[in-house]
């Protein structure tokens, strides 16, 4: 039987978008360094003479990187680039803007969370200096509403946010590429509902339903903000995030649920009570089952899960629901976010910042490539020989029998994980056959 842990390890969320903190930090630094190198090369390719430095040349980059140096050389001075930490600050800010925008549209929790994670995933392998976050966050919200089966009219959506439909559509394929065409995002909301139903089933909790309602309400508010504003989705499973939020809401309930889940009692009885008992194999079979259950819900696994939940709890506590006021505070935006936006305006990629223009150029390049593929060595056009039978694919007679059919080895269409998978908390991985988290865990 496939366990929950094994099913989660087969998901694209785990295979492509789960990292240890060290891996995630290294990946962001790598993306930042690559963007700095590419943008520097492009800015250096746009030297402006002193006489035209102040002219309104729309083809030149808009930053001050093209100002000639005092010696009269035409080599432009490069701007100061954003650091990985500054990029992350802006990504978190625009993630909060997604949540605000989706709330104004009364979107569901799933659409809000999916949009937020689309934006954060996109800016792991794409720098915020390359593609404009002020445009991409509208794209992420629009695309997430379609992924989560929410009905959205493009014209109405673009009118609400004063954006052109072309700008929204121009960023969609970029977003899909950045997401590696993996659109499934698993959230902890359903896990919370299931946990509360299980707690309500305990006999001693029937008289304390108000406590359960209060804990669920608080935990849901935490899930609507805290894991989305932090990196929890990249390090923990949905069930671990849920238990961490429940622990912040009511630690006693979370610990009770974990105790009841990871409660292993060895099977006892005569050999005849177990399968194979009549032929003398009952005791060995029972011992094997005990070992398997201990590996799934034993004390060792319980302690490991508790450690992961405690670490996730600490992460979520940095961005509790009360922090909404901080990210919306005008003083904070003026002193922290506005300077970063101004810095970003000077070091943005001059060739990729305008999404509509970028899409137009790429379409023209694709069209030219198709035209060149149709030309023969003599500069003419290839003329395909056709007859009436070719309308249905041509003759499938003698040649079809001689055709070799080669079966390619099945490959991951997304190219595998971006970094080598390892346990974020150290220690060996759990085999797929073992459900090390008893229905509330997943890969650590």
Foldseek 3Di string as FASTA:
>chain_A
DFDPQLVVCPACLNWAQADFPVVLVVLLQVLQVVLLVVQLVVLQVQFDFQVCLPPDDVLHAPFQQRHDDPVRDRGGHAADDDGSVLQLVVLLLLLLVLLVVVVVVVHDLQLSLLLLVLSVLLCSNHTCLEEPSVLVSLLSSVVSCVVVVHDDDLVVSCVVVVHDSLSSVLCNVSSCVSVLVRRDQDAQLVVLVVLLVVLCPDVVCVVVVVLSVQLSVQLVQLSSKQCSSFVCSRHFDNLLLSLLSSCVSPVVSSVVSLCVLLPADQDDDQLVVAPPSVVPCSVVVSVVVSVQSCQARNPVLSVVSVVSSVVSNVSSVVIRSVCSCVSVPPVCCVVRVVVSVVSSSNSHRRQRHRSSVNSVVVVVVVVVVVVVVQADPVRHGDDDDDDPCCVVPDDCPPVVVVDDDDDDDDDDSSHIYPDDDDQSVDDDWDDSVHNSRSVSGYGD
